[in-house]
Amino acid sequence: MPAARHLKTTSADAATAPNSDPAVTETVTQIIADVRDRGDAAVREYSEKFDKWSPPSFKLSDADIEQIIGGVPAEVIADIKTVQHNVRVFAQHQRDSLADFEVETAPGVHLGQRNLPVSAAGAYAPGGRYPLVASAHMTTVTAKVAGVPHVTACTPPIRGEIPAATVAAFHLAGADDIYLLGGVQAVAAMALGTDTIGKVDMLAGPGNAYVAEAKRQLFGTVGIDLFAGPTEILIIADGDADPFIVAVDLLSQAEHGPDSPAILITESETLAREVIGHIDALLPEMPTRDFAAPAWRDHGQVIVVDDIDAAYDLADTFAAEHVQILTADPRRALSAMTSYGALFLGEKTCVSYGDKVIGTNHTLPTRHAARYTGGLWVGKYLKTVTYQEVTTAAASAELGALCGRAARVELFEGHARSGDVRAAKFGDATLTWAPPEPALR
């Protein structure tokens, strides 16, 4: 790969920062263990401790939900419905692409595949500085399109206030139960089950470092969408790209958090320097600069390469969550790149569309995970299972003989005998071992 020139690179501390904080890991381990042992009592104590929130019931009644939604502006409700329509349409196309089938692979040998939804899913939307209303769309709409019968939704109060838009989004998306409950205690309650919160089979949704660590520790007890890390954006731009738009789009993702990488790869040093200049001018007046500024300072990179092909090659090594292509022929990236969470092609689209409104799922792989997985989609809520049926004596006899030979190569005598008895019963084979008389009881 040709040499790349870094006009801006990450800080030394950022480059060596660990992926997890031992103190976070220990705290999460203790909370999960406590919820496992004491259930609702532990959940309530941690809600009181971390959110100053201890209502008579964390679960919202139908009347509660109706009252909360009644206070949400009509335009917000209309926008939620529009966005959820976009998410639902795309998710339905994903579901329609997954077909059950049955084939007769040989005379009398029938093999089939079914895609079955999990029985219950947990959906989490964080509060804090950013009440991520869009998380309700991405988790719950997608689960319902997959056919999940029961979705439990949790979102925390925000400084003692109910996040009304998020509650409305969960309800409109089809959540069956909605709890005003957040943090590790919410995730653990859904994964483990308590007297008042039913156990789910899968958890999805973003959260802070504690929620992300809780999902990591609970994986195996339940399925999860992804191992979450800081939001990432990587932009590939040629010399004709608009440097102001490049700068704005980089900062749009840097505001997610002070550890969010924002990377520009370009063939044009002129463009690169103009982008840096725009960012330096934009940051001081940006309302979210307390997150965006350290993210850009410590995790921002600007890299100049020889040509766009080199940019694609280098970008694949990052396997970034969001990759935005601002070039004369953006669709070339579809064949040139293989490692990314989602591609955003051309100046007329942007990562923020994917995050908030366009319909594709915004829960995407981070920290190089795009090398081996995509993001949250309908298929994450489905179990692809198989079944087999042998309907003729001849086929069973043939498979039985083959099974006997294949299993004995691996020294599995019990497996071999399962094949032997069918080869003998349905064919003309004779057993080479003498079955003992059954014990009488």
Protein backbone atom coordinates (compact mmCIF):
# COMPACT_ATOMS: atom_id res chain seq x y z
CA MET A 1 0.00 0.00 0.00
CA PRO A 2 1.41 3.46 -0.88
CA ALA A 3 2.59 5.61 2.00
CA ALA A 4 -0.04 7.82 3.62
CA ARG A 5 0.69 11.27 4.98
CA HIS A 6 -0.96 12.24 8.26
CA LEU A 7 -1.84 15.92 8.54
CA LYS A 8 -3.57 15.15 11.84
CA THR A 9 -3.28 12.06 13.98
CA THR A 10 -4.67 10.73 17.25
CA SER A 11 -3.08 11.61 20.56
CA ALA A 12 -0.68 9.16 22.13
CA ASP A 13 -3.07 8.61 25.04
CA ALA A 14 -5.99 7.91 22.71
CA ALA A 15 -3.96 5.43 20.69
CA THR A 16 -3.12 3.38 23.79
CA ALA A 17 -6.40 3.76 25.70
CA PRO A 18 -7.88 0.44 26.87
CA ASN A 19 -11.21 -0.71 25.44
CA SER A 20 -12.68 -1.19 28.90
CA ASP A 21 -12.21 0.34 32.34
CA PRO A 22 -11.56 -2.19 35.13
CA ALA A 23 -13.61 -0.05 37.52
CA VAL A 24 -16.59 -0.14 35.15
CA THR A 25 -16.22 -3.90 34.77
CA GLU A 26 -16.16 -4.45 38.53
CA THR A 27 -19.16 -2.19 39.18
CA VAL A 28 -21.22 -3.88 36.49
CA THR A 29 -20.31 -7.35 37.75
CA GLN A 30 -21.51 -6.43 41.23
CA ILE A 31 -24.80 -4.94 40.02
CA ILE A 32 -25.61 -7.94 37.83
CA ALA A 33 -24.86 -10.34 40.67
CA ASP A 34 -27.07 -8.32 43.01
CA VAL A 35 -29.96 -8.23 40.55
CA ARG A 36 -29.58 -11.97 40.01
CA ASP A 37 -29.74 -12.58 43.78
CA ARG A 38 -32.32 -10.00 44.93
CA GLY A 39 -34.32 -9.18 41.82
CA ASP A 40 -36.72 -6.25 42.09
CA ALA A 41 -35.33 -5.06 45.43
CA ALA A 42 -31.88 -4.60 43.93
CA VAL A 43 -33.30 -2.97 40.79
CA ARG A 44 -35.13 -0.40 42.91
CA GLU A 45 -32.10 0.35 45.07
CA TYR A 46 -29.89 1.02 42.05
CA SER A 47 -32.54 3.14 40.38
CA GLU A 48 -32.77 5.23 43.53
CA LYS A 49 -28.98 5.46 43.77
CA PHE A 50 -28.17 6.33 40.17
CA ASP A 51 -31.32 8.04 38.86
CA LYS A 52 -33.03 9.22 42.05
CA TRP A 53 -36.07 7.38 40.68
CA SER A 54 -38.32 5.05 42.70
CA PRO A 55 -41.97 5.24 41.59
CA PRO A 56 -44.59 2.80 42.92
CA SER A 57 -44.21 0.92 39.62
CA PHE A 58 -41.50 1.25 36.99
CA LYS A 59 -43.90 -0.12 34.39
CA LEU A 60 -46.07 2.43 32.60
CA SER A 61 -49.78 1.62 32.50
CA ASP A 62 -51.87 2.19 29.39
CA ALA A 63 -53.27 5.30 31.03
CA ASP A 64 -49.75 6.55 31.83
CA ILE A 65 -48.68 6.06 28.22
CA GLU A 66 -51.76 7.80 26.87
CA GLN A 67 -51.18 10.78 29.16
CA ILE A 68 -47.48 11.01 28.28
CA ILE A 69 -48.09 10.82 24.54
CA GLY A 70 -50.80 13.47 24.89
CA GLY A 71 -48.12 15.93 25.97
CA VAL A 72 -45.85 15.35 22.99
CA PRO A 73 -46.18 17.99 20.24
CA ALA A 74 -48.16 16.81 17.22
CA GLU A 75 -45.28 17.49 14.85
CA VAL A 76 -42.98 15.26 16.92
CA ILE A 77 -45.54 12.44 16.84
CA ALA A 78 -45.92 12.87 13.07
CA ASP A 79 -42.15 12.78 12.58
CA ILE A 80 -41.82 9.67 14.74
CA LYS A 81 -44.47 7.94 12.63
CA THR A 82 -42.70 8.95 9.41
CA VAL A 83 -39.32 7.71 10.58
CA GLN A 84 -40.80 4.47 11.88
CA HIS A 85 -42.50 3.96 8.52
CA ASN A 86 -39.09 4.30 6.84
CA VAL A 87 -37.50 1.82 9.25
CA ARG A 88 -40.42 -0.60 8.91
CA VAL A 89 -40.35 -0.58 5.10
CA PHE A 90 -36.64 -1.38 4.96
CA ALA A 91 -36.89 -3.99 7.72
CA GLN A 92 -39.78 -5.67 5.89
CA HIS A 93 -37.66 -5.93 2.74
CA GLN A 94 -34.98 -7.59 4.87
CA ARG A 95 -37.51 -10.05 6.30
CA ASP A 96 -38.89 -10.82 2.86
CA SER A 97 -35.38 -11.70 1.66
CA LEU A 98 -35.23 -14.55 4.20
CA ALA A 99 -37.20 -17.49 2.86
CA ASP A 100 -38.01 -20.76 4.57
CA PHE A 101 -37.38 -23.72 2.29
CA GLU A 102 -37.44 -27.50 2.05
CA VAL A 103 -35.48 -29.50 -0.52
CA GLU A 104 -35.19 -33.18 -1.40
CA THR A 105 -31.42 -33.50 -1.61
CA ALA A 106 -31.59 -37.18 -2.59
CA PRO A 107 -34.55 -39.52 -3.15
CA GLY A 108 -36.31 -39.78 0.20
CA VAL A 109 -34.06 -37.28 2.01
CA HIS A 110 -35.86 -34.03 2.90
CA LEU A 111 -33.97 -31.11 4.48
CA GLY A 112 -35.52 -27.81 5.49
CA GLN A 113 -34.81 -24.44 7.02
CA ARG A 114 -37.04 -22.12 9.03
CA ASN A 115 -36.49 -18.60 10.37
CA LEU A 116 -38.15 -18.33 13.77
CA PRO A 117 -38.28 -15.14 15.84
CA VAL A 118 -37.06 -15.14 19.42
CA SER A 119 -39.91 -15.25 21.93
CA ALA A 120 -39.05 -12.02 23.76
CA ALA A 121 -36.69 -9.13 23.15
CA GLY A 122 -35.50 -6.30 25.35
CA ALA A 123 -35.10 -2.83 23.84
CA TYR A 124 -33.06 -0.14 25.60
CA ALA A 125 -32.96 3.58 24.84
CA PRO A 126 -30.54 5.67 26.91
CA GLY A 127 -31.34 8.98 28.54
CA GLY A 128 -28.62 11.21 29.86
CA ARG A 129 -27.43 14.03 27.66
CA TYR A 130 -28.84 12.46 24.51
CA PRO A 131 -32.27 10.83 24.86
CA LEU A 132 -31.95 8.63 21.78
CA VAL A 133 -35.52 8.49 20.52
CA ALA A 134 -34.29 6.82 17.33
CA SER A 135 -33.15 3.79 19.34
CA ALA A 136 -36.80 2.92 19.91
CA HIS A 137 -37.35 2.74 16.16
CA MET A 138 -34.23 0.70 15.46
CA THR A 139 -34.80 -1.88 18.18
CA THR A 140 -38.56 -2.27 18.49
CA VAL A 141 -39.78 -1.74 14.92
CA THR A 142 -37.14 -4.17 13.67
CA ALA A 143 -38.07 -6.78 16.29
CA LYS A 144 -41.76 -6.53 15.48
CA VAL A 145 -41.14 -6.87 11.74
CA ALA A 146 -39.13 -9.99 12.55
CA GLY A 147 -42.21 -11.34 14.32
CA VAL A 148 -41.06 -11.12 17.96
CA PRO A 149 -44.25 -11.65 20.04
CA HIS A 150 -43.15 -9.61 23.07
CA VAL A 151 -40.86 -6.58 23.30
CA THR A 152 -39.97 -5.13 26.68
CA ALA A 153 -38.69 -1.55 26.47
CA CYS A 154 -36.67 0.30 29.10
CA THR A 155 -35.61 3.94 29.13
CA PRO A 156 -34.49 5.98 32.16
CA PRO A 157 -35.94 9.20 33.50
CA ILE A 158 -33.85 12.25 32.63
CA ARG A 159 -33.11 14.30 35.73
CA GLY A 160 -36.38 13.11 37.22
CA GLU A 161 -38.42 13.87 34.13
CA ILE A 162 -40.18 11.38 31.86
CA PRO A 163 -38.62 11.23 28.33
CA ALA A 164 -42.00 11.66 26.66
CA ALA A 165 -40.83 11.44 23.03
CA THR A 166 -38.96 8.21 23.72
CA VAL A 167 -41.98 6.69 25.45
CA ALA A 168 -44.14 7.71 22.50
CA ALA A 169 -41.65 6.17 20.07
CA PHE A 170 -41.58 2.87 21.95
CA HIS A 171 -45.37 2.74 22.07
CA LEU A 172 -45.84 3.61 18.41
CA ALA A 173 -43.17 1.06 17.47
CA GLY A 174 -45.18 -1.70 19.16
CA ALA A 175 -43.45 -2.26 22.50
CA ASP A 176 -45.60 -4.50 24.70
CA ASP A 177 -44.28 -3.27 28.06
CA ILE A 178 -42.54 0.04 28.74
CA TYR A 179 -40.55 0.64 31.92
CA LEU A 180 -39.11 3.93 33.13
CA LEU A 181 -35.90 2.28 34.21
CA GLY A 182 -32.33 2.72 33.08
CA GLY A 183 -28.73 1.67 33.49
CA VAL A 184 -27.22 -1.68 34.29
CA GLN A 185 -30.17 -2.48 36.56
CA ALA A 186 -32.57 -2.26 33.59
CA VAL A 187 -30.44 -4.38 31.29
CA ALA A 188 -29.82 -6.97 34.01
CA ALA A 189 -33.52 -7.13 34.94
CA MET A 190 -34.52 -7.82 31.34
CA ALA A 191 -31.79 -10.41 30.85
CA LEU A 192 -32.27 -12.26 34.13
CA GLY A 193 -35.96 -11.64 34.84
CA THR A 194 -37.47 -10.49 38.12
CA ASP A 195 -40.87 -10.87 39.74
CA THR A 196 -42.13 -7.83 37.81
CA ILE A 197 -39.99 -7.81 34.66
CA GLY A 198 -40.11 -10.79 32.34
CA LYS A 199 -36.94 -12.44 31.08
CA VAL A 200 -36.07 -11.75 27.44
CA ASP A 201 -34.06 -13.80 24.95
CA MET A 202 -32.21 -10.91 23.34
CA LEU A 203 -31.13 -7.38 24.25
CA ALA A 204 -30.65 -4.51 21.81
CA GLY A 205 -29.96 -0.82 22.06
CA PRO A 206 -27.11 1.58 22.88
CA GLY A 207 -26.02 2.92 26.24
CA ASN A 208 -23.13 4.34 28.19
CA ALA A 209 -19.98 2.41 29.10
CA TYR A 210 -21.79 0.67 31.99
CA VAL A 211 -24.69 -0.50 29.83
CA ALA A 212 -22.30 -1.67 27.11
CA GLU A 213 -20.29 -3.64 29.68
CA ALA A 214 -23.48 -5.13 31.14
CA LYS A 215 -24.51 -6.40 27.72
CA ARG A 216 -21.05 -7.87 27.23
CA GLN A 217 -21.22 -9.72 30.55
CA LEU A 218 -24.78 -10.92 29.95
CA PHE A 219 -24.05 -12.22 26.46
CA GLY A 220 -24.63 -15.96 26.58
CA THR A 221 -27.38 -15.60 29.14
CA VAL A 222 -29.15 -13.68 26.38
CA GLY A 223 -28.27 -12.71 22.85
CA ILE A 224 -27.25 -9.13 22.15
CA ASP A 225 -27.21 -6.93 19.09
CA LEU A 226 -23.53 -5.89 19.14
CA PHE A 227 -20.61 -5.18 21.44
CA ALA A 228 -20.86 -1.40 21.41
CA GLY A 229 -18.01 1.08 21.28
CA PRO A 230 -17.74 4.81 20.57
CA THR A 231 -19.43 6.07 17.42
CA GLU A 232 -17.06 6.28 14.43
CA ILE A 233 -17.10 8.20 11.15
CA LEU A 234 -14.67 7.86 8.27
CA ILE A 235 -15.02 10.07 5.19
CA ILE A 236 -13.37 9.39 1.85
CA ALA A 237 -13.27 12.56 -0.22
CA ASP A 238 -11.72 13.54 -3.52
CA GLY A 239 -10.45 16.97 -4.51
CA ASP A 240 -13.87 18.10 -5.75
CA ALA A 241 -15.66 17.49 -2.44
CA ASP A 242 -17.04 20.45 -0.50
CA PRO A 243 -14.64 20.96 2.43
CA PHE A 244 -17.29 22.71 4.52
CA ILE A 245 -19.68 19.75 4.21
CA VAL A 246 -16.83 17.35 5.04
CA ALA A 247 -16.06 19.34 8.19
CA VAL A 248 -19.69 19.55 9.29
CA ASP A 249 -20.21 15.82 8.74
CA LEU A 250 -17.08 14.86 10.69
CA LEU A 251 -18.23 16.95 13.65
CA SER A 252 -21.77 15.56 13.42
CA GLN A 253 -20.45 12.25 14.71
CA ALA A 254 -17.70 13.62 16.96
CA GLU A 255 -20.43 15.12 19.15
CA HIS A 256 -21.52 11.62 20.20
CA GLY A 257 -18.76 11.52 22.79
CA PRO A 258 -15.21 12.61 23.62
CA ASP A 259 -13.84 9.25 22.43
CA SER A 260 -15.59 9.17 19.02
CA PRO A 261 -13.11 8.81 16.13
CA ALA A 262 -13.58 11.14 13.15
CA ILE A 263 -11.33 10.34 10.19
CA LEU A 264 -10.82 11.92 6.77
CA ILE A 265 -8.96 10.12 4.00
CA THR A 266 -8.42 12.15 0.84
CA GLU A 267 -6.24 12.37 -2.26
CA SER A 268 -6.15 16.16 -1.98
CA GLU A 269 -3.90 17.90 0.52
CA THR A 270 -5.62 21.18 -0.36
CA LEU A 271 -9.00 19.78 0.62
CA ALA A 272 -7.53 18.25 3.77
CA ARG A 273 -6.16 21.57 4.98
CA GLU A 274 -9.40 23.38 4.15
CA VAL A 275 -11.37 20.82 6.16
CA ILE A 276 -9.09 21.30 9.16
CA GLY A 277 -9.56 25.05 8.87
CA HIS A 278 -13.34 24.76 8.80
CA ILE A 279 -13.33 22.46 11.84
CA ASP A 280 -11.12 24.88 13.77
CA ALA A 281 -13.64 27.64 12.97
CA LEU A 282 -16.76 25.56 13.67
CA LEU A 283 -15.80 23.99 16.98
CA PRO A 284 -15.73 27.11 19.22
CA GLU A 285 -19.38 27.95 18.41
CA MET A 286 -20.69 24.38 18.39
CA PRO A 287 -23.24 23.76 21.20
CA THR A 288 -21.88 20.23 21.69
CA ARG A 289 -18.21 21.25 21.62
CA ASP A 290 -17.54 19.80 25.08
CA PHE A 291 -17.84 16.36 23.43
CA ALA A 292 -16.91 17.19 19.84
CA ALA A 293 -13.75 19.16 20.66
CA PRO A 294 -11.94 16.45 22.66
CA ALA A 295 -13.12 13.81 20.19
CA TRP A 296 -11.55 15.75 17.32
CA ARG A 297 -8.46 16.68 19.34
CA ASP A 298 -7.70 13.17 20.60
CA HIS A 299 -9.34 10.88 18.02
CA GLY A 300 -9.48 12.91 14.83
CA GLN A 301 -7.31 11.97 11.87
CA VAL A 302 -6.67 13.54 8.47
CA ILE A 303 -4.76 11.33 6.05
CA VAL A 304 -3.64 12.15 2.52
CA VAL A 305 -3.09 9.28 0.06
CA ASP A 306 -2.00 9.11 -3.56
CA ASP A 307 -5.38 8.32 -5.12
CA ILE A 308 -8.93 7.20 -4.35
CA ASP A 309 -8.08 3.52 -4.79
CA ALA A 310 -5.51 3.89 -2.03
CA ALA A 311 -8.17 5.63 0.06
CA TYR A 312 -10.51 2.66 -0.29
CA ASP A 313 -7.73 0.23 0.62
CA LEU A 314 -6.76 2.24 3.69
CA ALA A 315 -10.36 2.74 4.77
CA ASP A 316 -10.94 -1.02 4.79
CA THR A 317 -8.19 -1.41 7.40
CA PHE A 318 -10.15 0.85 9.76
CA ALA A 319 -13.38 -1.20 9.31
CA ALA A 320 -15.23 1.88 10.50
CA GLU A 321 -18.82 2.01 11.70
CA HIS A 322 -19.92 4.76 9.27
CA VAL A 323 -18.11 5.36 5.98
CA GLN A 324 -19.18 8.36 3.93
CA ILE A 325 -18.09 8.60 0.28
CA LEU A 326 -17.80 12.13 -1.12
CA THR A 327 -16.30 11.49 -4.54
CA ALA A 328 -17.23 11.95 -8.18
CA ASP A 329 -18.24 8.26 -8.42
CA PRO A 330 -19.36 7.25 -4.93
CA ARG A 331 -20.86 3.89 -5.99
CA ARG A 332 -17.37 2.59 -6.77
CA ALA A 333 -17.08 2.04 -3.02
CA LEU A 334 -19.65 -0.76 -3.25
CA SER A 335 -17.16 -2.92 -5.13
CA ALA A 336 -13.95 -1.42 -3.76
CA MET A 337 -14.68 -1.85 -0.04
CA THR A 338 -15.64 -4.81 2.14
CA SER A 339 -15.20 -3.71 5.77
CA TYR A 340 -17.66 -1.12 7.06
CA GLY A 341 -20.82 -0.91 9.15
CA ALA A 342 -22.73 1.20 6.63
CA LEU A 343 -21.86 3.19 3.49
CA PHE A 344 -23.27 6.64 2.76
CA LEU A 345 -22.84 7.42 -0.91
CA GLY A 346 -22.54 10.94 -2.22
CA GLU A 347 -23.06 14.47 -0.98
CA LYS A 348 -26.85 14.21 -0.97
CA THR A 349 -26.82 11.73 1.91
CA CYS A 350 -25.01 11.72 5.22
CA VAL A 351 -24.44 9.61 8.31
CA SER A 352 -26.96 11.67 10.26
CA TYR A 353 -29.70 10.50 7.88
CA GLY A 354 -28.82 6.92 8.81
CA ASP A 355 -28.74 7.78 12.50
CA LYS A 356 -32.11 9.47 12.59
CA VAL A 357 -34.48 9.21 9.64
CA ILE A 358 -33.68 7.31 6.44
CA GLY A 359 -34.75 3.80 7.49
CA THR A 360 -31.62 1.64 7.61
CA ASN A 361 -30.65 0.53 11.11
CA HIS A 362 -28.22 2.75 12.98
CA THR A 363 -26.99 0.06 15.39
CA LEU A 364 -23.70 -0.78 13.70
CA PRO A 365 -20.36 -2.48 14.46
CA THR A 366 -17.55 -0.43 16.00
CA ARG A 367 -13.92 -1.06 17.02
CA HIS A 368 -13.06 -2.98 13.83
CA ALA A 369 -15.97 -5.42 14.29
CA ALA A 370 -17.11 -4.61 10.74
CA ARG A 371 -14.40 -7.05 9.65
CA TYR A 372 -16.72 -9.90 10.64
CA THR A 373 -20.25 -8.62 11.24
CA GLY A 374 -22.86 -6.20 10.05
CA GLY A 375 -25.24 -4.22 12.21
CA LEU A 376 -28.62 -4.82 13.80
CA TRP A 377 -31.21 -6.10 11.34
CA VAL A 378 -34.28 -8.30 11.20
CA GLY A 379 -32.11 -11.41 11.08
CA LYS A 380 -30.67 -10.68 14.53
CA TYR A 381 -34.10 -11.39 16.00
CA LEU A 382 -34.48 -14.64 14.08
CA LYS A 383 -33.17 -18.13 14.77
CA THR A 384 -32.37 -19.95 11.55
CA VAL A 385 -33.15 -23.57 12.37
CA THR A 386 -33.11 -26.73 10.30
CA TYR A 387 -35.07 -29.98 10.17
CA GLN A 388 -34.54 -33.33 8.49
CA GLU A 389 -36.77 -36.22 7.46
CA VAL A 390 -35.86 -39.49 5.70
CA THR A 391 -38.95 -41.01 4.11
CA THR A 392 -37.72 -44.12 2.30
CA ALA A 393 -36.14 -47.33 3.57
CA ALA A 394 -33.51 -47.27 0.85
CA ALA A 395 -32.32 -43.77 1.75
CA SER A 396 -32.16 -44.57 5.47
CA ALA A 397 -30.21 -47.79 4.80
CA GLU A 398 -27.71 -45.96 2.62
CA LEU A 399 -27.24 -43.15 5.11
CA GLY A 400 -26.98 -45.66 7.96
CA ALA A 401 -24.10 -47.47 6.29
CA LEU A 402 -22.35 -44.19 5.51
CA CYS A 403 -22.90 -42.96 9.09
CA GLY A 404 -21.38 -46.14 10.51
CA ARG A 405 -18.23 -45.75 8.45
CA ALA A 406 -17.87 -42.00 8.99
CA ALA A 407 -18.44 -42.18 12.76
CA ARG A 408 -15.89 -44.97 13.28
CA VAL A 409 -13.21 -42.87 11.58
CA GLU A 410 -13.76 -40.46 14.47
CA LEU A 411 -14.02 -43.30 17.05
CA PHE A 412 -17.67 -42.48 17.84
CA GLU A 413 -19.00 -46.01 18.25
CA GLY A 414 -22.38 -44.89 19.60
CA HIS A 415 -22.97 -42.71 16.55
CA ALA A 416 -21.92 -45.56 14.30
CA ARG A 417 -24.41 -47.94 15.91
CA SER A 418 -27.28 -45.47 15.31
CA GLY A 419 -26.45 -45.79 11.64
CA ASP A 420 -25.89 -49.56 11.83
CA VAL A 421 -29.32 -50.37 13.20
CA ARG A 422 -31.02 -48.48 10.37
CA ALA A 423 -28.80 -50.04 7.73
CA ALA A 424 -29.84 -53.41 9.13
CA LYS A 425 -33.53 -52.65 9.64
CA PHE A 426 -34.18 -50.88 6.34
CA GLY A 427 -31.55 -52.59 4.15
CA ASP A 428 -29.68 -55.83 3.84
CA ALA A 429 -26.82 -55.02 6.21
CA THR A 430 -26.04 -57.24 9.19
CA LEU A 431 -24.87 -55.96 12.53
CA THR A 432 -21.18 -56.58 13.21
CA TRP A 433 -21.79 -56.28 16.94
CA ALA A 434 -24.14 -58.38 19.03
CA PRO A 435 -26.80 -56.41 20.91
CA PRO A 436 -27.11 -57.63 24.51
CA GLU A 437 -30.43 -58.75 25.91
CA PRO A 438 -32.35 -55.81 27.42
CA ALA A 439 -32.41 -55.60 31.17
CA LEU A 440 -35.77 -56.41 32.73
CA ARG A 441 -37.25 -53.94 35.21
